C-alpha atoms as a PDB file:
ATOM      1  CA  UNK A   1       3.764  10.571 -13.392  1.00  0.00           C
ATOM      2  CA  UNK A   2       1.848  12.344 -10.639  1.00  0.00           C
ATOM      3  CA  UNK A   3       1.124  10.119  -7.671  1.00  0.00           C
ATOM      4  CA  UNK A   4      -2.346  10.061  -6.200  1.00  0.00           C
ATOM      5  CA  UNK A   5      -2.729  11.313  -2.656  1.00  0.00           C
ATOM      6  CA  UNK A   6      -4.381   8.628  -0.560  1.00  0.00           C
ATOM      7  CA  UNK A   7      -3.881   6.926   2.759  1.00  0.00           C
ATOM      8  CA  UNK A   8      -2.777   3.358   3.174  1.00  0.00           C
ATOM      9  CA  UNK A   9      -6.225   2.380   4.456  1.00  0.00           C
ATOM     10  CA  UNK A  10      -7.898   4.081   1.480  1.00  0.00           C
ATOM     11  CA  UNK A  11      -5.675   2.103  -0.876  1.00  0.00           C
ATOM     12  CA  UNK A  12      -6.547  -1.151   0.884  1.00  0.00           C
ATOM     13  CA  UNK A  13     -10.243  -0.359   0.716  1.00  0.00           C
ATOM     14  CA  UNK A  14      -9.988   0.397  -2.981  1.00  0.00           C
ATOM     15  CA  UNK A  15      -8.073  -2.841  -3.559  1.00  0.00           C
ATOM     16  CA  UNK A  16     -10.726  -4.790  -1.665  1.00  0.00           C
ATOM     17  CA  UNK A  17     -13.435  -3.182  -3.783  1.00  0.00           C
ATOM     18  CA  UNK A  18     -11.625  -4.032  -7.017  1.00  0.00           C
ATOM     19  CA  UNK A  19     -11.141  -7.620  -5.864  1.00  0.00           C
ATOM     20  CA  UNK A  20     -14.823  -7.930  -4.955  1.00  0.00           C
ATOM     21  CA  UNK A  21     -15.866  -6.590  -8.356  1.00  0.00           C
ATOM     22  CA  UNK A  22     -13.581  -9.089 -10.100  1.00  0.00           C
ATOM     23  CA  UNK A  23     -14.656 -12.027  -7.932  1.00  0.00           C
ATOM     24  CA  UNK A  24     -18.341 -11.225  -8.395  1.00  0.00           C
ATOM     25  CA  UNK A  25     -17.841 -10.720 -12.117  1.00  0.00           C
ATOM     26  CA  UNK A  26     -19.327  -7.236 -11.769  1.00  0.00           C
ATOM     27  CA  UNK A  27     -16.750  -5.613 -14.033  1.00  0.00           C
ATOM     28  CA  UNK A  28     -17.398  -4.913 -17.646  1.00  0.00           C
ATOM     29  CA  UNK A  29     -14.685  -6.540 -19.719  1.00  0.00           C
ATOM     30  CA  UNK A  30     -13.646  -3.132 -21.064  1.00  0.00           C
ATOM     31  CA  UNK A  31     -12.926  -1.932 -17.519  1.00  0.00           C
ATOM     32  CA  UNK A  32     -11.090  -5.034 -16.337  1.00  0.00           C
ATOM     33  CA  UNK A  33      -7.716  -3.957 -17.736  1.00  0.00           C
ATOM     34  CA  UNK A  34      -7.968  -0.522 -16.126  1.00  0.00           C
ATOM     35  CA  UNK A  35      -8.937  -2.002 -12.760  1.00  0.00           C
ATOM     36  CA  UNK A  36      -6.027  -4.464 -12.889  1.00  0.00           C
ATOM     37  CA  UNK A  37      -3.636  -1.600 -13.716  1.00  0.00           C
ATOM     38  CA  UNK A  38      -5.024   0.436 -10.816  1.00  0.00           C
ATOM     39  CA  UNK A  39      -4.755  -2.537  -8.446  1.00  0.00           C
ATOM     40  CA  UNK A  40      -1.135  -3.097  -9.499  1.00  0.00           C
ATOM     41  CA  UNK A  41      -0.331   0.564  -8.836  1.00  0.00           C
ATOM     42  CA  UNK A  42      -2.017   0.446  -5.413  1.00  0.00           C
ATOM     43  CA  UNK A  43      -0.190  -2.754  -4.442  1.00  0.00           C
ATOM     44  CA  UNK A  44       3.175  -1.212  -5.384  1.00  0.00           C
ATOM     45  CA  UNK A  45       2.384   1.918  -3.380  1.00  0.00           C
ATOM     46  CA  UNK A  46       1.294  -0.090  -0.339  1.00  0.00           C
ATOM     47  CA  UNK A  47       4.428  -2.260  -0.472  1.00  0.00           C
ATOM     48  CA  UNK A  48       6.580   0.842  -0.720  1.00  0.00           C
ATOM     49  CA  UNK A  49       4.871   2.457   2.251  1.00  0.00           C
ATOM     50  CA  UNK A  50       5.143  -0.725   4.318  1.00  0.00           C
ATOM     51  CA  UNK A  51       8.846  -1.005   3.506  1.00  0.00           C
ATOM     52  CA  UNK A  52       9.458   2.658   4.366  1.00  0.00           C
ATOM     53  CA  UNK A  53       7.513   2.405   7.621  1.00  0.00           C
ATOM     54  CA  UNK A  54       9.404  -0.751   8.578  1.00  0.00           C
ATOM     55  CA  UNK A  55      12.720   0.980   7.949  1.00  0.00           C
ATOM     56  CA  UNK A  56      11.645   4.000  10.005  1.00  0.00           C
ATOM     57  CA  UNK A  57      10.552   1.813  12.912  1.00  0.00           C
ATOM     58  CA  UNK A  58      13.789  -0.161  12.743  1.00  0.00           C
ATOM     59  CA  UNK A  59      15.780   3.085  12.817  1.00  0.00           C
ATOM     60  CA  UNK A  60      13.793   4.398  15.778  1.00  0.00           C
ATOM     61  CA  UNK A  61      14.310   1.171  17.706  1.00  0.00           C
ATOM     62  CA  UNK A  62      18.029   1.152  16.920  1.00  0.00           C
ATOM     63  CA  UNK A  63      18.328   4.756  18.148  1.00  0.00           C
ATOM     64  CA  UNK A  64      16.390   3.844  21.268  1.00  0.00           C
ATOM     65  CA  UNK A  65      18.567   0.786  21.917  1.00  0.00           C
ATOM     66  CA  UNK A  66      21.713   2.888  21.437  1.00  0.00           C
ATOM     67  CA  UNK A  67      20.406   5.485  23.867  1.00  0.00           C
ATOM     68  CA  UNK A  68      19.693   2.820  26.456  1.00  0.00           C
ATOM     69  CA  UNK A  69      23.279   1.578  26.240  1.00  0.00           C
ATOM     70  CA  UNK A  70      24.659   5.040  27.091  1.00  0.00           C
ATOM     71  CA  UNK A  71      22.868   5.290  30.416  1.00  0.00           C
END
């Protein structure tokens, strides 16, 4: 499966738009399933990116802390 190229903020905006359409009952019933599938994909991607970013920040801070100890 080819992943879509989009930024985290673009994914959040798209999720917000999908949620608004669902809440306002603007979606045709035939499109509801597709929108829910898309929202699920976007949520998984966002969670993955958040997890990866958190791990990177943790690693950077650990390296920084270790460097401070050597001085």
